[in-house]
Amino acid sequence: MAPRKRSAAAVAPAAGEVNPKAPCPCGSGRRYKHCHGSGYAQPVLRPFEGLPAEVDWVALRELVPAATATLTTTDSRSVTLASVLPGGTPALVRANGEILLGVQLATSSDDVSRDLGTALAAALEAPAGAPVDPGPIGGAGSAGPRLQELLDLSAPFEVTVHDDFEFWLEGAQVDPAARAGLQHANEMVMPTVRLAGLEAAYWCRPSDDRAHVRWVRPEPEEQLLDALARLRAAEQLTLGEGTRYAGAFRALGLLVPVWDVPAETPGADWAGPSAELQTRLEAALAVTEPLTADERRARAGLLSRQVTLR
């Protein structure tokens, strides 16, 4: 009887090579053949990492309907970052030379920072009042620099939340059709409040009878989940009476816990309860002991309530 041939999977990889079925060395949790061994460019999991207020960049990109912030480039030019611009355009230059960059794009590549950097680089070169043509960005692949290469990383990043999109106009005269389009956009704006004294914590009310607190957290996911599980097991993962932990989003490499809160309470009133939760969370993050059995069960429940935003 002839000896049986070994399958390709049974052949050991050559020295220096990674077994295609082994976990990828990058730590993604996927097999090497489906990650860095696939031959395709890997997505940048945290495209805004290294920028001031990474958590607020994620919030403006994924959660906040109408907001602005001021950016400063490496050559000291001022740029207004907007959650979204008319028609979803990535950037525009007003007649007075003001540059606006929209963080919510119609399409994205595997590196959102490069998509936005490509649009910003084109806007910095465009004449005042002229259309901005960044070339192909998003799904077609962006060829320009990343935001981290263009922006002054020491400049502050302060978010202003707006009730509508009137900041698109800044007093400019528009025709009735444009005004009607703006009114339609304004009707779609979800009431949103940035909670004072906290980083990237936002109250929103999607309907008259529903409201949430959404909080983009900077901690690594595994560390944050352990801390949330400790609070959940101790019945401290709450913002007070009538509230409940609803789950979390994964967005651009960060975790966004969400709480359901009574819709009739004004948004600004949740700053105090959220600050108290922040104190409890910081204490839980400082604990280094392994999770107890109750905390492990709580953690499993938290994992079942997570959704990835793509």
C-alpha atoms as a PDB file:
ATOM      1  CA  MET A   1       0.000   0.000   0.000  1.00  0.00           C
ATOM      2  CA  ALA A   2       1.476   3.334  -1.074  1.00  0.00           C
ATOM      3  CA  PRO A   3       2.139   5.859   1.722  1.00  0.00           C
ATOM      4  CA  ARG A   4      -0.545   8.481   2.080  1.00  0.00           C
ATOM      5  CA  LYS A   5       0.466  11.966   0.988  1.00  0.00           C
ATOM      6  CA  ARG A   6       0.281  14.704   3.568  1.00  0.00           C
ATOM      7  CA  SER A   7      -2.161  17.479   2.840  1.00  0.00           C
ATOM      8  CA  ALA A   8      -0.883  20.998   2.262  1.00  0.00           C
ATOM      9  CA  ALA A   9      -2.292  21.994   5.646  1.00  0.00           C
ATOM     10  CA  ALA A  10      -0.099  19.410   7.342  1.00  0.00           C
ATOM     11  CA  VAL A  11       3.134  20.754   5.836  1.00  0.00           C
ATOM     12  CA  ALA A  12       4.996  22.866   8.366  1.00  0.00           C
ATOM     13  CA  PRO A  13       5.696  26.444   7.255  1.00  0.00           C
ATOM     14  CA  ALA A  14       9.244  27.326   6.310  1.00  0.00           C
ATOM     15  CA  ALA A  15      11.449  29.057   8.859  1.00  0.00           C
ATOM     16  CA  GLY A  16      10.355  32.649   9.361  1.00  0.00           C
ATOM     17  CA  GLU A  17       6.896  32.068   7.873  1.00  0.00           C
ATOM     18  CA  VAL A  18       3.589  32.151   9.741  1.00  0.00           C
ATOM     19  CA  ASN A  19       1.220  29.179   9.631  1.00  0.00           C
ATOM     20  CA  PRO A  20      -1.786  30.444   7.618  1.00  0.00           C
ATOM     21  CA  LYS A  21      -4.179  28.894  10.147  1.00  0.00           C
ATOM     22  CA  ALA A  22      -2.401  30.360  13.174  1.00  0.00           C
ATOM     23  CA  PRO A  23      -3.638  33.547  14.856  1.00  0.00           C
ATOM     24  CA  CYS A  24      -2.269  36.623  13.112  1.00  0.00           C
ATOM     25  CA  PRO A  25       0.708  38.115  14.991  1.00  0.00           C
ATOM     26  CA  CYS A  26      -0.955  41.555  14.814  1.00  0.00           C
ATOM     27  CA  GLY A  27      -3.331  40.517  17.610  1.00  0.00           C
ATOM     28  CA  SER A  28      -6.562  40.931  15.636  1.00  0.00           C
ATOM     29  CA  GLY A  29      -7.809  37.489  16.719  1.00  0.00           C
ATOM     30  CA  ARG A  30      -8.252  36.362  13.102  1.00  0.00           C
ATOM     31  CA  ARG A  31      -6.287  33.648  11.348  1.00  0.00           C
ATOM     32  CA  TYR A  32      -3.195  34.891   9.549  1.00  0.00           C
ATOM     33  CA  LYS A  33      -4.566  33.860   6.140  1.00  0.00           C
ATOM     34  CA  HIS A  34      -7.631  36.054   6.699  1.00  0.00           C
ATOM     35  CA  CYS A  35      -5.660  39.003   8.087  1.00  0.00           C
ATOM     36  CA  HIS A  36      -2.136  40.159   7.224  1.00  0.00           C
ATOM     37  CA  GLY A  37      -1.534  37.016   5.196  1.00  0.00           C
ATOM     38  CA  SER A  38      -4.450  37.690   2.853  1.00  0.00           C
ATOM     39  CA  GLY A  39      -2.504  39.974   0.524  1.00  0.00           C
ATOM     40  CA  TYR A  40      -4.981  42.806   0.984  1.00  0.00           C
ATOM     41  CA  ALA A  41      -4.409  46.069   2.806  1.00  0.00           C
ATOM     42  CA  GLN A  42      -5.666  45.800   6.359  1.00  0.00           C
ATOM     43  CA  PRO A  43      -8.090  48.385   7.728  1.00  0.00           C
ATOM     44  CA  VAL A  44      -6.770  50.979  10.138  1.00  0.00           C
ATOM     45  CA  LEU A  45      -8.800  50.061  13.222  1.00  0.00           C
ATOM     46  CA  ARG A  46      -8.281  53.421  14.951  1.00  0.00           C
ATOM     47  CA  PRO A  47      -7.897  55.979  12.142  1.00  0.00           C
ATOM     48  CA  PHE A  48      -8.049  58.970  14.511  1.00  0.00           C
ATOM     49  CA  GLU A  49      -5.487  57.622  16.974  1.00  0.00           C
ATOM     50  CA  GLY A  50      -2.891  60.282  17.765  1.00  0.00           C
ATOM     51  CA  LEU A  51      -5.225  63.201  17.049  1.00  0.00           C
ATOM     52  CA  PRO A  52      -6.308  65.457  19.930  1.00  0.00           C
ATOM     53  CA  ALA A  53      -9.654  64.250  21.333  1.00  0.00           C
ATOM     54  CA  GLU A  54      -9.779  61.016  19.329  1.00  0.00           C
ATOM     55  CA  VAL A  55     -13.009  60.162  21.143  1.00  0.00           C
ATOM     56  CA  ASP A  56     -14.757  63.308  19.876  1.00  0.00           C
ATOM     57  CA  TRP A  57     -13.568  62.639  16.330  1.00  0.00           C
ATOM     58  CA  VAL A  58     -15.305  59.264  16.576  1.00  0.00           C
ATOM     59  CA  ALA A  59     -18.430  60.912  18.016  1.00  0.00           C
ATOM     60  CA  LEU A  60     -18.661  63.470  15.196  1.00  0.00           C
ATOM     61  CA  ARG A  61     -18.079  60.752  12.631  1.00  0.00           C
ATOM     62  CA  GLU A  62     -20.604  58.233  13.980  1.00  0.00           C
ATOM     63  CA  LEU A  63     -23.020  59.769  16.503  1.00  0.00           C
ATOM     64  CA  VAL A  64     -23.499  63.543  16.361  1.00  0.00           C
ATOM     65  CA  PRO A  65     -25.724  64.955  13.592  1.00  0.00           C
ATOM     66  CA  ALA A  66     -24.769  68.656  13.616  1.00  0.00           C
ATOM     67  CA  ALA A  67     -21.535  69.881  15.175  1.00  0.00           C
ATOM     68  CA  THR A  68     -18.350  71.774  14.361  1.00  0.00           C
ATOM     69  CA  ALA A  69     -14.815  72.104  15.731  1.00  0.00           C
ATOM     70  CA  THR A  70     -11.834  74.235  14.762  1.00  0.00           C
ATOM     71  CA  LEU A  71      -8.709  72.579  13.381  1.00  0.00           C
ATOM     72  CA  THR A  72      -5.260  74.090  12.840  1.00  0.00           C
ATOM     73  CA  THR A  73      -2.936  72.816  10.129  1.00  0.00           C
ATOM     74  CA  THR A  74       0.820  72.427  10.488  1.00  0.00           C
ATOM     75  CA  ASP A  75       1.245  75.731   8.623  1.00  0.00           C
ATOM     76  CA  SER A  76      -1.176  77.499  11.009  1.00  0.00           C
ATOM     77  CA  ARG A  77      -4.190  77.649   8.698  1.00  0.00           C
ATOM     78  CA  SER A  78      -7.605  77.409  10.353  1.00  0.00           C
ATOM     79  CA  VAL A  79     -10.133  74.805   9.190  1.00  0.00           C
ATOM     80  CA  THR A  80     -13.691  74.213  10.365  1.00  0.00           C
ATOM     81  CA  LEU A  81     -14.470  70.545  10.864  1.00  0.00           C
ATOM     82  CA  ALA A  82     -18.171  69.748  10.433  1.00  0.00           C
ATOM     83  CA  SER A  83     -20.020  66.561  11.215  1.00  0.00           C
ATOM     84  CA  VAL A  84     -21.501  66.677   7.711  1.00  0.00           C
ATOM     85  CA  LEU A  85     -21.551  69.133   4.792  1.00  0.00           C
ATOM     86  CA  PRO A  86     -24.285  69.786   2.189  1.00  0.00           C
ATOM     87  CA  GLY A  87     -24.801  66.793  -0.051  1.00  0.00           C
ATOM     88  CA  GLY A  88     -22.229  64.825   1.898  1.00  0.00           C
ATOM     89  CA  THR A  89     -19.410  66.667   0.120  1.00  0.00           C
ATOM     90  CA  PRO A  90     -16.057  65.983   1.808  1.00  0.00           C
ATOM     91  CA  ALA A  91     -14.801  69.584   1.755  1.00  0.00           C
ATOM     92  CA  LEU A  92     -15.594  73.067   0.468  1.00  0.00           C
ATOM     93  CA  VAL A  93     -13.971  76.506   0.370  1.00  0.00           C
ATOM     94  CA  ARG A  94     -16.190  79.526   0.900  1.00  0.00           C
ATOM     95  CA  ALA A  95     -15.850  82.760  -1.031  1.00  0.00           C
ATOM     96  CA  ASN A  96     -14.068  84.314   1.953  1.00  0.00           C
ATOM     97  CA  GLY A  97     -11.484  81.512   1.883  1.00  0.00           C
ATOM     98  CA  GLU A  98     -12.819  79.592   4.910  1.00  0.00           C
ATOM     99  CA  ILE A  99     -12.244  75.856   4.583  1.00  0.00           C
ATOM    100  CA  LEU A 100     -14.823  73.348   5.805  1.00  0.00           C
ATOM    101  CA  LEU A 101     -14.084  69.632   6.124  1.00  0.00           C
ATOM    102  CA  GLY A 102     -16.898  67.096   6.557  1.00  0.00           C
ATOM    103  CA  VAL A 103     -16.087  64.074   8.715  1.00  0.00           C
ATOM    104  CA  GLN A 104     -19.120  62.012   7.649  1.00  0.00           C
ATOM    105  CA  LEU A 105     -18.402  60.773   4.114  1.00  0.00           C
ATOM    106  CA  ALA A 106     -20.640  58.915   1.698  1.00  0.00           C
ATOM    107  CA  THR A 107     -17.988  56.219   1.210  1.00  0.00           C
ATOM    108  CA  SER A 108     -14.853  55.265   3.102  1.00  0.00           C
ATOM    109  CA  SER A 109     -11.718  53.257   2.466  1.00  0.00           C
ATOM    110  CA  ASP A 110      -9.890  51.148   5.036  1.00  0.00           C
ATOM    111  CA  ASP A 111      -8.284  54.323   6.433  1.00  0.00           C
ATOM    112  CA  VAL A 112     -10.767  57.099   7.216  1.00  0.00           C
ATOM    113  CA  SER A 113      -7.924  59.399   8.248  1.00  0.00           C
ATOM    114  CA  ARG A 114      -6.420  59.176   4.770  1.00  0.00           C
ATOM    115  CA  ASP A 115      -9.829  59.775   3.169  1.00  0.00           C
ATOM    116  CA  LEU A 116     -10.265  62.981   5.159  1.00  0.00           C
ATOM    117  CA  GLY A 117      -6.628  63.974   4.721  1.00  0.00           C
ATOM    118  CA  THR A 118      -6.981  63.626   0.961  1.00  0.00           C
ATOM    119  CA  ALA A 119     -10.025  65.922   0.987  1.00  0.00           C
ATOM    120  CA  LEU A 120      -8.322  68.445   3.270  1.00  0.00           C
ATOM    121  CA  ALA A 121      -5.156  68.553   1.169  1.00  0.00           C
ATOM    122  CA  ALA A 122      -7.264  69.333  -1.925  1.00  0.00           C
ATOM    123  CA  ALA A 123      -9.183  72.056  -0.071  1.00  0.00           C
ATOM    124  CA  LEU A 124      -5.961  73.695   1.101  1.00  0.00           C
ATOM    125  CA  GLU A 125      -4.924  74.043  -2.553  1.00  0.00           C
ATOM    126  CA  ALA A 126      -8.319  75.110  -3.952  1.00  0.00           C
ATOM    127  CA  PRO A 127      -9.028  78.794  -4.748  1.00  0.00           C
ATOM    128  CA  ALA A 128     -11.600  80.611  -2.611  1.00  0.00           C
ATOM    129  CA  GLY A 129     -15.153  79.889  -3.741  1.00  0.00           C
ATOM    130  CA  ALA A 130     -14.056  77.129  -6.122  1.00  0.00           C
ATOM    131  CA  PRO A 131     -15.281  73.520  -5.963  1.00  0.00           C
ATOM    132  CA  VAL A 132     -12.940  71.118  -4.190  1.00  0.00           C
ATOM    133  CA  ASP A 133     -11.908  68.101  -6.250  1.00  0.00           C
ATOM    134  CA  PRO A 134     -10.006  65.635  -4.058  1.00  0.00           C
ATOM    135  CA  GLY A 135     -10.053  62.931  -6.724  1.00  0.00           C
ATOM    136  CA  PRO A 136     -11.146  59.401  -5.802  1.00  0.00           C
ATOM    137  CA  ILE A 137     -11.567  58.922  -2.072  1.00  0.00           C
ATOM    138  CA  GLY A 138     -13.305  56.337   0.045  1.00  0.00           C
ATOM    139  CA  GLY A 139     -14.097  53.022  -1.546  1.00  0.00           C
ATOM    140  CA  ALA A 140     -11.899  53.731  -4.581  1.00  0.00           C
ATOM    141  CA  GLY A 141      -8.883  54.281  -2.330  1.00  0.00           C
ATOM    142  CA  SER A 142      -7.462  57.602  -1.186  1.00  0.00           C
ATOM    143  CA  ALA A 143      -4.050  58.722  -2.371  1.00  0.00           C
ATOM    144  CA  GLY A 144      -3.419  61.786  -0.193  1.00  0.00           C
ATOM    145  CA  PRO A 145      -1.858  62.287   3.230  1.00  0.00           C
ATOM    146  CA  ARG A 146      -3.403  61.301   6.557  1.00  0.00           C
ATOM    147  CA  LEU A 147      -4.878  63.872   8.939  1.00  0.00           C
ATOM    148  CA  GLN A 148      -2.022  63.217  11.356  1.00  0.00           C
ATOM    149  CA  GLU A 149       0.386  64.571   8.713  1.00  0.00           C
ATOM    150  CA  LEU A 150      -1.586  67.768   8.049  1.00  0.00           C
ATOM    151  CA  LEU A 151      -2.843  68.924  11.444  1.00  0.00           C
ATOM    152  CA  ASP A 152      -1.138  70.634  14.359  1.00  0.00           C
ATOM    153  CA  LEU A 153      -1.484  67.909  16.983  1.00  0.00           C
ATOM    154  CA  SER A 154      -0.899  70.377  19.827  1.00  0.00           C
ATOM    155  CA  ALA A 155      -3.898  72.547  18.933  1.00  0.00           C
ATOM    156  CA  PRO A 156      -7.021  72.150  21.115  1.00  0.00           C
ATOM    157  CA  PHE A 157     -10.106  70.390  19.786  1.00  0.00           C
ATOM    158  CA  GLU A 158     -13.350  71.838  21.130  1.00  0.00           C
ATOM    159  CA  VAL A 159     -16.734  70.673  19.852  1.00  0.00           C
ATOM    160  CA  THR A 160     -19.756  72.935  19.365  1.00  0.00           C
ATOM    161  CA  VAL A 161     -23.052  71.070  18.970  1.00  0.00           C
ATOM    162  CA  HIS A 162     -25.680  72.834  16.802  1.00  0.00           C
ATOM    163  CA  ASP A 163     -29.463  72.513  16.788  1.00  0.00           C
ATOM    164  CA  ASP A 164     -29.530  72.708  12.982  1.00  0.00           C
ATOM    165  CA  PHE A 165     -27.349  73.128   9.890  1.00  0.00           C
ATOM    166  CA  GLU A 166     -27.580  76.917   9.662  1.00  0.00           C
ATOM    167  CA  PHE A 167     -23.796  77.017  10.010  1.00  0.00           C
ATOM    168  CA  TRP A 168     -23.676  75.799   6.411  1.00  0.00           C
ATOM    169  CA  LEU A 169     -24.782  79.255   5.266  1.00  0.00           C
ATOM    170  CA  GLU A 170     -23.081  81.664   7.672  1.00  0.00           C
ATOM    171  CA  GLY A 171     -25.366  84.513   6.564  1.00  0.00           C
ATOM    172  CA  ALA A 172     -25.014  83.887   2.809  1.00  0.00           C
ATOM    173  CA  GLN A 173     -27.988  84.574   0.574  1.00  0.00           C
ATOM    174  CA  VAL A 174     -29.464  81.408  -0.893  1.00  0.00           C
ATOM    175  CA  ASP A 175     -32.216  80.712  -3.382  1.00  0.00           C
ATOM    176  CA  PRO A 176     -35.561  79.196  -2.305  1.00  0.00           C
ATOM    177  CA  ALA A 177     -34.585  75.703  -3.476  1.00  0.00           C
ATOM    178  CA  ALA A 178     -31.443  75.725  -1.348  1.00  0.00           C
ATOM    179  CA  ARG A 179     -33.387  77.070   1.618  1.00  0.00           C
ATOM    180  CA  ALA A 180     -35.954  74.275   1.214  1.00  0.00           C
ATOM    181  CA  GLY A 181     -33.140  71.705   1.133  1.00  0.00           C
ATOM    182  CA  LEU A 182     -31.661  73.172   4.296  1.00  0.00           C
ATOM    183  CA  GLN A 183     -35.034  73.075   6.028  1.00  0.00           C
ATOM    184  CA  HIS A 184     -35.407  69.418   5.124  1.00  0.00           C
ATOM    185  CA  ALA A 185     -31.948  68.677   6.531  1.00  0.00           C
ATOM    186  CA  ASN A 186     -32.782  70.585   9.713  1.00  0.00           C
ATOM    187  CA  GLU A 187     -35.879  68.471  10.231  1.00  0.00           C
ATOM    188  CA  MET A 188     -33.679  65.367  10.334  1.00  0.00           C
ATOM    189  CA  VAL A 189     -31.436  66.670  13.137  1.00  0.00           C
ATOM    190  CA  MET A 190     -31.760  64.647  16.331  1.00  0.00           C
ATOM    191  CA  PRO A 191     -31.702  66.817  19.480  1.00  0.00           C
ATOM    192  CA  THR A 192     -28.208  66.354  20.925  1.00  0.00           C
ATOM    193  CA  VAL A 193     -26.322  67.773  23.912  1.00  0.00           C
ATOM    194  CA  ARG A 194     -22.638  67.356  24.760  1.00  0.00           C
ATOM    195  CA  LEU A 195     -22.469  66.732  28.501  1.00  0.00           C
ATOM    196  CA  ALA A 196     -20.462  69.452  30.232  1.00  0.00           C
ATOM    197  CA  GLY A 197     -17.212  68.499  31.948  1.00  0.00           C
ATOM    198  CA  LEU A 198     -16.974  65.090  30.262  1.00  0.00           C
ATOM    199  CA  GLU A 199     -15.095  63.918  27.212  1.00  0.00           C
ATOM    200  CA  ALA A 200     -17.214  62.669  24.293  1.00  0.00           C
ATOM    201  CA  ALA A 201     -20.376  62.001  26.350  1.00  0.00           C
ATOM    202  CA  TYR A 202     -23.509  62.954  24.408  1.00  0.00           C
ATOM    203  CA  TRP A 203     -27.216  62.917  25.241  1.00  0.00           C
ATOM    204  CA  CYS A 204     -29.581  62.462  22.310  1.00  0.00           C
ATOM    205  CA  ARG A 205     -33.339  62.093  21.873  1.00  0.00           C
ATOM    206  CA  PRO A 206     -34.263  60.136  18.731  1.00  0.00           C
ATOM    207  CA  SER A 207     -38.015  60.408  19.493  1.00  0.00           C
ATOM    208  CA  ASP A 208     -40.366  62.069  21.970  1.00  0.00           C
ATOM    209  CA  ASP A 209     -40.415  58.988  24.195  1.00  0.00           C
ATOM    210  CA  ARG A 210     -36.804  57.782  23.890  1.00  0.00           C
ATOM    211  CA  ALA A 211     -33.484  59.298  24.946  1.00  0.00           C
ATOM    212  CA  HIS A 212     -29.950  57.967  25.377  1.00  0.00           C
ATOM    213  CA  VAL A 213     -26.556  58.866  26.739  1.00  0.00           C
ATOM    214  CA  ARG A 214     -23.810  57.715  24.360  1.00  0.00           C
ATOM    215  CA  TRP A 215     -20.246  57.890  25.609  1.00  0.00           C
ATOM    216  CA  VAL A 216     -17.186  57.229  23.431  1.00  0.00           C
ATOM    217  CA  ARG A 217     -14.522  55.766  25.708  1.00  0.00           C
ATOM    218  CA  PRO A 218     -10.738  55.957  25.132  1.00  0.00           C
ATOM    219  CA  GLU A 219      -9.792  52.752  26.989  1.00  0.00           C
ATOM    220  CA  PRO A 220      -8.796  49.514  25.197  1.00  0.00           C
ATOM    221  CA  GLU A 221     -11.906  47.379  24.718  1.00  0.00           C
ATOM    222  CA  GLU A 222     -10.884  44.433  26.900  1.00  0.00           C
ATOM    223  CA  GLN A 223      -9.891  46.660  29.813  1.00  0.00           C
ATOM    224  CA  LEU A 224     -13.091  48.686  29.540  1.00  0.00           C
ATOM    225  CA  LEU A 225     -15.281  45.567  29.338  1.00  0.00           C
ATOM    226  CA  ASP A 226     -13.743  44.216  32.533  1.00  0.00           C
ATOM    227  CA  ALA A 227     -14.476  47.498  34.329  1.00  0.00           C
ATOM    228  CA  LEU A 228     -18.037  47.666  33.013  1.00  0.00           C
ATOM    229  CA  ALA A 229     -18.571  44.046  34.090  1.00  0.00           C
ATOM    230  CA  ARG A 230     -17.411  44.851  37.633  1.00  0.00           C
ATOM    231  CA  LEU A 231     -19.921  47.702  37.795  1.00  0.00           C
ATOM    232  CA  ARG A 232     -22.674  45.574  36.280  1.00  0.00           C
ATOM    233  CA  ALA A 233     -22.142  42.793  38.817  1.00  0.00           C
ATOM    234  CA  ALA A 234     -22.243  45.371  41.630  1.00  0.00           C
ATOM    235  CA  GLU A 235     -25.437  46.916  40.173  1.00  0.00           C
ATOM    236  CA  GLN A 236     -23.585  50.201  39.674  1.00  0.00           C
ATOM    237  CA  LEU A 237     -23.680  50.383  35.859  1.00  0.00           C
ATOM    238  CA  THR A 238     -26.476  52.955  35.910  1.00  0.00           C
ATOM    239  CA  LEU A 239     -27.108  56.672  35.618  1.00  0.00           C
ATOM    240  CA  GLY A 240     -29.800  56.626  38.278  1.00  0.00           C
ATOM    241  CA  GLU A 241     -33.450  55.754  38.694  1.00  0.00           C
ATOM    242  CA  GLY A 242     -35.293  55.025  35.466  1.00  0.00           C
ATOM    243  CA  THR A 243     -32.093  54.395  33.493  1.00  0.00           C
ATOM    244  CA  ARG A 244     -30.530  51.197  32.203  1.00  0.00           C
ATOM    245  CA  TYR A 245     -27.400  50.124  30.375  1.00  0.00           C
ATOM    246  CA  ALA A 246     -28.555  49.339  26.832  1.00  0.00           C
ATOM    247  CA  GLY A 247     -25.358  48.039  25.221  1.00  0.00           C
ATOM    248  CA  ALA A 248     -22.425  49.394  23.255  1.00  0.00           C
ATOM    249  CA  PHE A 249     -21.281  50.237  19.752  1.00  0.00           C
ATOM    250  CA  ARG A 250     -17.833  49.437  18.404  1.00  0.00           C
ATOM    251  CA  ALA A 251     -16.837  52.439  16.311  1.00  0.00           C
ATOM    252  CA  LEU A 252     -13.460  53.075  14.666  1.00  0.00           C
ATOM    253  CA  GLY A 253     -11.597  50.995  17.219  1.00  0.00           C
ATOM    254  CA  LEU A 254     -13.296  52.386  20.321  1.00  0.00           C
ATOM    255  CA  LEU A 255     -16.212  51.261  22.454  1.00  0.00           C
ATOM    256  CA  VAL A 256     -19.315  53.469  22.866  1.00  0.00           C
ATOM    257  CA  PRO A 257     -21.456  52.421  25.861  1.00  0.00           C
ATOM    258  CA  VAL A 258     -25.123  53.519  25.687  1.00  0.00           C
ATOM    259  CA  TRP A 259     -27.666  54.104  28.447  1.00  0.00           C
ATOM    260  CA  ASP A 260     -31.430  54.497  28.060  1.00  0.00           C
ATOM    261  CA  VAL A 261     -32.637  57.500  30.065  1.00  0.00           C
ATOM    262  CA  PRO A 262     -36.052  59.143  30.605  1.00  0.00           C
ATOM    263  CA  ALA A 263     -36.880  61.306  27.591  1.00  0.00           C
ATOM    264  CA  GLU A 264     -38.546  64.059  29.630  1.00  0.00           C
ATOM    265  CA  THR A 265     -35.341  64.937  31.544  1.00  0.00           C
ATOM    266  CA  PRO A 266     -33.330  67.737  29.834  1.00  0.00           C
ATOM    267  CA  GLY A 267     -30.115  66.516  28.276  1.00  0.00           C
ATOM    268  CA  ALA A 268     -27.834  68.792  30.287  1.00  0.00           C
ATOM    269  CA  ASP A 269     -29.142  67.251  33.521  1.00  0.00           C
ATOM    270  CA  TRP A 270     -27.312  63.991  32.780  1.00  0.00           C
ATOM    271  CA  ALA A 271     -23.866  65.579  33.200  1.00  0.00           C
ATOM    272  CA  GLY A 272     -23.954  65.081  36.997  1.00  0.00           C
ATOM    273  CA  PRO A 273     -25.011  61.400  37.003  1.00  0.00           C
ATOM    274  CA  SER A 274     -22.506  60.707  34.224  1.00  0.00           C
ATOM    275  CA  ALA A 275     -19.701  62.322  36.226  1.00  0.00           C
ATOM    276  CA  GLU A 276     -20.602  60.088  39.180  1.00  0.00           C
ATOM    277  CA  LEU A 277     -20.469  57.063  36.912  1.00  0.00           C
ATOM    278  CA  GLN A 278     -17.091  58.256  35.639  1.00  0.00           C
ATOM    279  CA  THR A 279     -15.775  58.149  39.218  1.00  0.00           C
ATOM    280  CA  ARG A 280     -17.052  54.591  39.711  1.00  0.00           C
ATOM    281  CA  LEU A 281     -15.656  53.531  36.334  1.00  0.00           C
ATOM    282  CA  GLU A 282     -12.214  54.934  37.099  1.00  0.00           C
ATOM    283  CA  ALA A 283     -12.160  52.940  40.330  1.00  0.00           C
ATOM    284  CA  ALA A 284     -13.184  49.779  38.465  1.00  0.00           C
ATOM    285  CA  LEU A 285     -10.507  50.368  35.818  1.00  0.00           C
ATOM    286  CA  ALA A 286      -7.885  50.487  38.559  1.00  0.00           C
ATOM    287  CA  VAL A 287      -8.750  46.986  39.849  1.00  0.00           C
ATOM    288  CA  THR A 288      -6.235  44.368  38.708  1.00  0.00           C
ATOM    289  CA  GLU A 289      -7.636  41.199  40.299  1.00  0.00           C
ATOM    290  CA  PRO A 290      -9.232  38.577  38.016  1.00  0.00           C
ATOM    291  CA  LEU A 291     -12.964  38.830  37.502  1.00  0.00           C
ATOM    292  CA  THR A 292     -15.159  36.911  39.911  1.00  0.00           C
ATOM    293  CA  ALA A 293     -17.698  34.366  38.675  1.00  0.00           C
ATOM    294  CA  ASP A 294     -20.481  36.967  38.884  1.00  0.00           C
ATOM    295  CA  GLU A 295     -18.357  39.496  37.020  1.00  0.00           C
ATOM    296  CA  ARG A 296     -17.541  36.977  34.278  1.00  0.00           C
ATOM    297  CA  ARG A 297     -21.253  36.304  33.815  1.00  0.00           C
ATOM    298  CA  ALA A 298     -21.877  40.053  33.685  1.00  0.00           C
ATOM    299  CA  ARG A 299     -19.137  40.429  31.082  1.00  0.00           C
ATOM    300  CA  ALA A 300     -20.684  37.735  28.882  1.00  0.00           C
ATOM    301  CA  GLY A 301     -23.963  39.616  29.042  1.00  0.00           C
ATOM    302  CA  LEU A 302     -22.250  42.852  28.018  1.00  0.00           C
ATOM    303  CA  LEU A 303     -20.650  41.164  25.019  1.00  0.00           C
ATOM    304  CA  SER A 304     -24.053  40.032  23.784  1.00  0.00           C
ATOM    305  CA  ARG A 305     -25.178  43.675  23.685  1.00  0.00           C
ATOM    306  CA  GLN A 306     -22.443  45.020  21.408  1.00  0.00           C
ATOM    307  CA  VAL A 307     -22.877  46.127  17.794  1.00  0.00           C
ATOM    308  CA  THR A 308     -20.095  47.106  15.382  1.00  0.00           C
ATOM    309  CA  LEU A 309     -20.693  50.233  13.296  1.00  0.00           C
ATOM    310  CA  ARG A 310     -19.259  49.926   9.786  1.00  0.00           C
END
